[in-house]
């Protein structure tokens, strides 16, 4: 059979209609995916030949870069996966300026290189390999969620991975991190200059990079000033989840008021800081006249609280773009050494912080 001359009208959708399959199935056949059956593969290839269909040349070139040209691997899909959590989903729904900004940065870089982005959710307690990885639907992953060590190791071994706002543990992997050491020191120095000498730090029990570094810097800061970091146990990690969020934050606010050495200020991630502030004010404490609160990762919601939350701005859009660039670089240079990109932010002063109360 002599193929028809390719024309601008020969599109993947027309091929899919002729073969009686979806455009996705056509793409899978052309990318040598193991998913389509042999009968489906034959129908698609016959339709491709009849229509003289040829993929976009730039896209075709990008599809040949996977695994350094290892023909034993399935051909590339031209798609990158973003692995997020339920927290990321909630953040995207309200345009939180954190997860939404990161995803925007990832998308912009991938779109410029003609890659597609596939977003999927991951339960932090799950050991199941994400479906897009099992089905060979992505060339690599940007991971912005917590997960079990063994699953993270498996994913890093299986395909190119960039960890966003996460560290790889013992494995070798590219990662993009916020400088939380600088963020914590900046906020503590600011509170110190306002006269606060007793500061609480709320953190959850997940051993993330931010939590580990934040607590270490918090302890070191007060040791450097010759003061106890946590005389009343208010800085111990708390078990908290979306289901228990309101209860835990309300209990923490009561713990602050009942503490023998009651603190005059708090530092925490913004999504916790805003909730604690609301509970303290409901209990009669005035912010910032009697208590100051500083966030560690600025989000849009912090600008809408009353008073607005002093926060450390995290450049998540830049971080997301950096993660996507690292992943595309890994496609082009499979054997290069792993890289860690560390980015700085800056503090944004709003109305939730004031001078330490004289009588405290």
Protein backbone atom coordinates (compact mmCIF):
# COMPACT_ATOMS: atom_id res chain seq x y z
CA UNK A 1 0.00 0.00 0.00
CA UNK A 2 1.34 3.39 -0.99
CA UNK A 3 0.91 5.92 1.84
CA UNK A 4 -0.87 9.14 1.13
CA UNK A 5 1.23 12.26 1.03
CA UNK A 6 1.19 13.92 4.48
CA UNK A 7 -0.87 17.07 4.58
CA UNK A 8 -1.64 19.60 7.32
CA UNK A 9 -5.02 17.94 7.63
CA UNK A 10 -3.47 14.60 8.60
CA UNK A 11 -3.84 14.90 12.36
CA UNK A 12 -3.67 12.43 15.17
CA UNK A 13 -7.40 12.90 15.72
CA UNK A 14 -8.16 11.92 12.13
CA UNK A 15 -5.96 8.86 12.52
CA UNK A 16 -7.82 7.95 15.70
CA UNK A 17 -11.19 8.27 13.97
CA UNK A 18 -10.09 6.10 11.06
CA UNK A 19 -8.73 3.44 13.44
CA UNK A 20 -11.73 3.67 15.76
CA UNK A 21 -9.63 4.44 18.83
CA UNK A 22 -8.85 7.46 20.99
CA UNK A 23 -6.04 9.93 20.19
CA UNK A 24 -4.32 8.73 23.37
CA UNK A 25 -4.27 5.18 22.01
CA UNK A 26 -2.74 6.40 18.75
CA UNK A 27 -0.05 8.19 20.77
CA UNK A 28 0.63 5.05 22.78
CA UNK A 29 1.03 2.93 19.64
CA UNK A 30 3.38 5.48 18.06
CA UNK A 31 5.40 5.59 21.30
CA UNK A 32 5.64 1.78 21.51
CA UNK A 33 3.62 1.58 24.71
CA UNK A 34 2.89 -2.00 25.82
CA UNK A 35 -0.70 -1.10 26.71
CA UNK A 36 -2.51 -1.38 23.31
CA UNK A 37 -3.34 -4.91 22.11
CA UNK A 38 -1.71 -6.25 18.97
CA UNK A 39 -4.98 -5.95 17.04
CA UNK A 40 -5.33 -2.29 18.08
CA UNK A 41 -1.73 -1.64 17.15
CA UNK A 42 -2.28 -3.03 13.65
CA UNK A 43 -5.40 -0.88 13.10
CA UNK A 44 -3.59 2.26 14.20
CA UNK A 45 -0.51 1.62 12.07
CA UNK A 46 -2.69 0.90 9.04
CA UNK A 47 -4.52 4.20 9.57
CA UNK A 48 -1.22 6.04 9.98
CA UNK A 49 0.04 4.56 6.71
CA UNK A 50 -3.17 5.31 4.80
CA UNK A 51 -3.20 8.94 5.91
CA UNK A 52 0.53 9.46 5.63
CA UNK A 53 0.47 10.84 9.15
CA UNK A 54 3.76 12.07 10.58
CA UNK A 55 4.17 13.39 14.13
CA UNK A 56 5.46 16.92 14.63
CA UNK A 57 9.24 16.83 13.94
CA UNK A 58 10.19 18.69 17.15
CA UNK A 59 8.01 16.40 19.22
CA UNK A 60 9.42 13.36 17.46
CA UNK A 61 12.93 14.49 18.38
CA UNK A 62 11.98 14.91 22.01
CA UNK A 63 10.45 11.44 22.05
CA UNK A 64 13.82 9.84 21.28
CA UNK A 65 15.68 11.19 24.29
CA UNK A 66 14.48 8.83 27.02
CA UNK A 67 17.09 6.89 28.96
CA UNK A 68 19.90 8.10 26.72
CA UNK A 69 18.44 6.34 23.69
CA UNK A 70 18.13 2.93 25.33
CA UNK A 71 15.95 1.05 22.84
CA UNK A 72 15.10 -1.57 25.46
CA UNK A 73 12.96 1.05 27.23
CA UNK A 74 9.51 2.12 26.01
CA UNK A 75 9.75 5.19 23.79
CA UNK A 76 9.14 8.49 25.52
CA UNK A 77 5.62 9.81 25.94
CA UNK A 78 6.36 13.53 25.83
CA UNK A 79 4.61 13.75 29.21
CA UNK A 80 5.89 14.60 32.68
CA UNK A 81 4.04 13.60 35.83
CA UNK A 82 3.47 15.84 38.85
CA UNK A 83 2.89 13.81 41.99
CA UNK A 84 1.06 15.78 44.67
CA UNK A 85 -0.95 15.14 47.82
CA UNK A 86 -4.50 15.89 48.94
CA UNK A 87 -3.03 19.02 50.53
CA UNK A 88 -1.79 20.07 47.11
CA UNK A 89 -5.25 19.42 45.68
CA UNK A 90 -6.86 21.63 48.33
CA UNK A 91 -4.26 24.32 47.70
CA UNK A 92 -4.91 24.29 43.97
CA UNK A 93 -8.65 24.62 44.51
CA UNK A 94 -8.17 27.90 46.38
CA UNK A 95 -5.17 29.16 44.37
CA UNK A 96 -3.08 29.19 47.52
CA UNK A 97 -0.03 30.76 45.89
CA UNK A 98 2.07 27.80 47.08
CA UNK A 99 1.16 24.55 45.32
CA UNK A 100 -0.63 26.47 42.58
CA UNK A 101 2.45 28.63 41.97
CA UNK A 102 4.73 25.58 41.84
CA UNK A 103 2.48 23.85 39.34
CA UNK A 104 2.33 27.00 37.20
CA UNK A 105 6.12 27.17 37.07
CA UNK A 106 6.36 23.50 36.09
CA UNK A 107 3.70 23.90 33.40
CA UNK A 108 5.30 26.97 31.83
CA UNK A 109 8.68 25.29 31.38
CA UNK A 110 7.20 22.06 30.03
CA UNK A 111 4.90 23.86 27.62
CA UNK A 112 7.83 25.80 26.19
CA UNK A 113 9.54 22.46 25.45
CA UNK A 114 6.32 20.91 24.04
CA UNK A 115 5.86 18.48 26.90
CA UNK A 116 2.52 17.64 28.44
CA UNK A 117 1.91 17.67 32.20
CA UNK A 118 -0.04 14.92 33.96
CA UNK A 119 -1.07 15.69 37.53
CA UNK A 120 -1.89 12.83 39.89
CA UNK A 121 -2.58 12.44 43.61
CA UNK A 122 -0.64 10.29 46.04
CA UNK A 123 -1.67 9.11 49.49
CA UNK A 124 1.39 9.64 51.71
CA UNK A 125 0.75 6.29 53.41
CA UNK A 126 0.46 4.32 50.17
CA UNK A 127 3.13 1.93 48.92
CA UNK A 128 1.44 1.55 45.54
CA UNK A 129 3.38 2.70 42.50
CA UNK A 130 1.40 5.53 40.84
CA UNK A 131 -0.62 4.36 37.84
CA UNK A 132 1.06 6.70 35.31
CA UNK A 133 4.39 5.07 36.18
CA UNK A 134 3.02 1.53 35.93
CA UNK A 135 1.42 2.32 32.56
CA UNK A 136 4.54 4.04 31.18
CA UNK A 137 2.53 7.21 30.63
CA UNK A 138 5.23 9.60 31.86
CA UNK A 139 8.91 10.09 31.09
CA UNK A 140 9.71 11.40 34.57
CA UNK A 141 8.21 12.78 37.75
CA UNK A 142 8.26 15.96 39.77
CA UNK A 143 7.34 14.86 43.29
CA UNK A 144 5.95 17.39 45.76
CA UNK A 145 4.50 15.14 48.42
CA UNK A 146 5.67 12.96 51.27
CA UNK A 147 5.90 9.21 50.72
CA UNK A 148 7.35 6.05 52.20
CA UNK A 149 11.11 5.72 51.79
CA UNK A 150 10.84 2.41 49.93
CA UNK A 151 8.44 3.84 47.35
CA UNK A 152 10.58 6.93 46.81
CA UNK A 153 13.62 4.69 46.27
CA UNK A 154 11.71 2.55 43.77
CA UNK A 155 10.55 5.56 41.77
CA UNK A 156 14.05 7.05 41.69
CA UNK A 157 15.41 3.74 40.40
CA UNK A 158 12.67 3.38 37.81
CA UNK A 159 12.66 6.74 36.01
CA UNK A 160 14.01 10.31 36.20
CA UNK A 161 12.70 12.07 39.33
CA UNK A 162 13.06 15.59 40.71
CA UNK A 163 11.97 16.19 44.30
CA UNK A 164 10.36 19.57 44.91
CA UNK A 165 10.61 20.92 48.47
CA UNK A 166 11.71 17.42 49.50
CA UNK A 167 15.09 15.77 50.03
CA UNK A 168 16.02 12.36 48.55
CA UNK A 169 17.25 10.74 51.76
CA UNK A 170 20.00 8.21 51.01
CA UNK A 171 19.23 8.03 47.29
CA UNK A 172 20.80 10.06 44.50
CA UNK A 173 18.20 12.35 42.97
CA UNK A 174 17.83 15.92 41.80
CA UNK A 175 15.95 18.22 44.17
CA UNK A 176 14.84 21.83 44.47
CA UNK A 177 14.67 23.19 48.01
CA UNK A 178 13.66 26.34 49.79
CA UNK A 179 16.31 27.73 52.15
CA UNK A 180 14.29 27.10 55.32
CA UNK A 181 17.34 27.78 57.48
CA UNK A 182 17.34 31.35 56.22
CA UNK A 183 13.54 31.57 56.49
CA UNK A 184 13.53 30.51 60.15
CA UNK A 185 16.44 32.77 61.11
CA UNK A 186 14.87 35.72 59.32
CA UNK A 187 11.57 35.36 61.17
CA UNK A 188 13.21 34.72 64.54
CA UNK A 189 15.51 37.72 64.14
CA UNK A 190 12.51 39.87 63.28
CA UNK A 191 10.62 38.74 66.39
CA UNK A 192 13.75 39.21 68.51
CA UNK A 193 14.09 42.79 67.32
CA UNK A 194 10.50 43.35 68.40
CA UNK A 195 11.47 42.24 71.93
CA UNK A 196 10.11 38.69 71.90
CA UNK A 197 12.19 36.34 74.01
CA UNK A 198 9.75 33.44 74.39
CA UNK A 199 8.66 32.08 71.03
CA UNK A 200 6.70 28.91 70.26
CA UNK A 201 7.19 26.82 67.12
CA UNK A 202 4.33 24.67 65.85
CA UNK A 203 5.31 21.80 63.54
CA UNK A 204 3.72 18.55 62.44
CA UNK A 205 5.26 15.12 62.92
CA UNK A 206 6.20 14.51 59.27
CA UNK A 207 10.03 14.50 59.02
CA UNK A 208 10.18 16.83 56.01
CA UNK A 209 13.21 18.89 55.13
CA UNK A 210 11.40 22.03 56.32
CA UNK A 211 10.51 20.51 59.70
CA UNK A 212 13.94 19.00 60.35
CA UNK A 213 15.90 22.11 59.36
CA UNK A 214 13.39 24.48 60.96
CA UNK A 215 13.55 22.80 64.36
CA UNK A 216 17.35 22.56 64.29
CA UNK A 217 17.69 26.27 63.51
CA UNK A 218 15.04 27.18 66.10
CA UNK A 219 16.97 25.37 68.84
CA UNK A 220 20.30 26.82 67.71
CA UNK A 221 18.94 30.38 67.65
CA UNK A 222 17.92 30.37 71.30
CA UNK A 223 21.05 28.50 72.37
CA UNK A 224 23.09 31.28 70.74
CA UNK A 225 21.15 33.81 72.84
CA UNK A 226 21.57 31.82 76.06
CA UNK A 227 17.86 31.02 76.43
CA UNK A 228 15.92 27.73 76.55
CA UNK A 229 14.28 27.03 73.20
CA UNK A 230 11.22 25.23 74.52
CA UNK A 231 10.67 25.43 78.29
CA UNK A 232 7.03 24.31 78.09
CA UNK A 233 7.17 21.64 75.39
CA UNK A 234 5.26 23.74 72.86
CA UNK A 235 7.70 22.88 70.08
CA UNK A 236 7.28 19.11 70.09
CA UNK A 237 6.00 17.67 66.83
CA UNK A 238 2.23 17.21 66.68
CA UNK A 239 0.33 14.50 64.87
CA UNK A 240 -2.09 16.32 62.60
CA UNK A 241 -4.08 15.47 59.48
CA UNK A 242 -6.86 17.16 57.48
CA UNK A 243 -9.38 15.27 59.62
CA UNK A 244 -7.89 16.46 62.93
CA UNK A 245 -6.62 19.87 61.83
CA UNK A 246 -9.23 22.01 63.64
CA UNK A 247 -9.04 19.97 66.84
CA UNK A 248 -5.22 19.98 67.04
CA UNK A 249 -4.86 23.70 66.35
CA UNK A 250 -7.57 24.57 68.90
CA UNK A 251 -5.82 22.41 71.50
CA UNK A 252 -2.49 24.03 70.70
CA UNK A 253 -3.95 27.51 71.23
CA UNK A 254 -5.17 26.42 74.68
CA UNK A 255 -1.71 24.99 75.42
CA UNK A 256 -0.16 28.38 74.66
CA UNK A 257 -2.47 30.17 77.08
CA UNK A 258 -1.88 27.56 79.79
CA UNK A 259 1.92 27.46 79.45
CA UNK A 260 3.77 28.47 82.68
CA UNK A 261 6.26 30.50 80.60
CA UNK A 262 3.64 31.73 78.19
CA UNK A 263 5.25 32.70 74.85
CA UNK A 264 4.59 36.07 73.31
CA UNK A 265 5.04 34.94 69.70
CA UNK A 266 4.76 31.96 67.37
CA UNK A 267 6.45 30.82 64.15
CA UNK A 268 4.91 28.15 61.95
CA UNK A 269 4.00 27.22 58.41
CA UNK A 270 1.27 29.58 57.22
CA UNK A 271 -1.54 27.03 57.02
CA UNK A 272 -1.00 26.24 60.71
CA UNK A 273 -0.19 29.78 61.82
CA UNK A 274 -3.47 31.17 60.47
CA UNK A 275 -5.51 28.51 62.27
CA UNK A 276 -3.70 28.99 65.57
CA UNK A 277 -4.14 32.76 65.30
CA UNK A 278 -7.90 32.39 64.80
CA UNK A 279 -8.16 30.10 67.84
CA UNK A 280 -6.09 32.42 70.05
CA UNK A 281 -8.23 35.38 69.13
CA UNK A 282 -11.39 33.36 69.81
CA UNK A 283 -9.99 32.74 73.31
CA UNK A 284 -9.60 36.49 73.86
CA UNK A 285 -5.93 37.05 73.02
CA UNK A 286 -5.31 40.16 70.92
CA UNK A 287 -3.01 39.90 67.90
CA UNK A 288 -0.56 41.62 67.62
CA UNK A 289 -1.01 43.64 70.84
CA UNK A 290 -0.62 40.61 73.13
CA UNK A 291 0.76 37.97 70.77
CA UNK A 292 2.68 38.00 67.48
CA UNK A 293 2.59 35.38 64.74
CA UNK A 294 5.01 34.91 61.83
CA UNK A 295 4.56 32.44 58.98
CA UNK A 296 7.29 30.49 57.22
CA UNK A 297 5.79 30.00 53.75
CA UNK A 298 3.65 32.83 52.46
CA UNK A 299 0.30 31.86 50.92
CA UNK A 300 -2.54 33.88 49.52
CA UNK A 301 -4.75 32.93 52.47
CA UNK A 302 -2.34 34.66 54.85
CA UNK A 303 -3.12 37.97 53.19
CA UNK A 304 -6.83 37.52 53.87
CA UNK A 305 -6.67 36.79 57.60
CA UNK A 306 -7.40 39.53 60.08
CA UNK A 307 -4.84 40.72 60.90
CA UNK A 308 -2.91 39.79 57.76
CA UNK A 309 -0.10 37.34 58.44
CA UNK A 310 3.55 38.39 58.42
CA UNK A 311 5.15 35.69 56.29
CA UNK A 312 8.31 34.53 54.57
CA UNK A 313 7.69 34.48 50.84
CA UNK A 314 8.72 31.22 49.19
CA UNK A 315 9.27 31.60 45.40
CA UNK A 316 7.29 28.49 44.53
CA UNK A 317 6.77 29.43 40.89
CA UNK A 318 10.53 29.76 40.44
CA UNK A 319 11.04 26.51 42.36
CA UNK A 320 8.54 24.68 40.16
CA UNK A 321 10.22 26.01 37.02
CA UNK A 322 13.63 24.94 38.37
CA UNK A 323 12.30 21.43 39.04
CA UNK A 324 10.98 21.12 35.49
CA UNK A 325 14.27 22.42 34.07
CA UNK A 326 16.22 19.85 36.10
CA UNK A 327 14.00 17.05 34.83
CA UNK A 328 14.34 18.08 31.19
CA UNK A 329 18.08 18.42 31.72
CA UNK A 330 18.09 14.87 33.07
CA UNK A 331 16.33 13.66 29.90
CA UNK A 332 19.06 15.30 27.81
CA UNK A 333 21.95 14.23 30.06
CA UNK A 334 21.01 10.94 31.75
CA UNK A 335 24.45 10.39 33.26
CA UNK A 336 25.14 13.79 34.78
CA UNK A 337 25.70 14.08 38.57
CA UNK A 338 22.63 14.83 40.68
CA UNK A 339 22.07 18.47 41.54
CA UNK A 340 20.49 20.27 44.47
CA UNK A 341 19.08 23.74 43.82
CA UNK A 342 18.56 25.91 46.93
CA UNK A 343 16.50 29.09 46.59
CA UNK A 344 16.03 32.04 48.95
CA UNK A 345 12.88 34.02 49.65
CA UNK A 346 12.18 37.14 51.67
CA UNK A 347 10.04 38.22 54.60
CA UNK A 348 6.84 40.21 54.04
CA UNK A 349 5.85 42.33 57.03
CA UNK A 350 2.12 42.55 57.63
CA UNK A 351 -0.06 43.25 60.67
CA UNK A 352 0.26 40.05 62.74
CA UNK A 353 3.51 41.04 64.49
CA UNK A 354 4.12 43.82 66.99
CA UNK A 355 6.30 44.79 69.91
CA UNK A 356 6.44 42.22 72.71
CA UNK A 357 3.99 43.14 75.48
CA UNK A 358 5.79 44.90 78.35
CA UNK A 359 3.96 42.98 81.07
CA UNK A 360 4.65 39.51 79.63
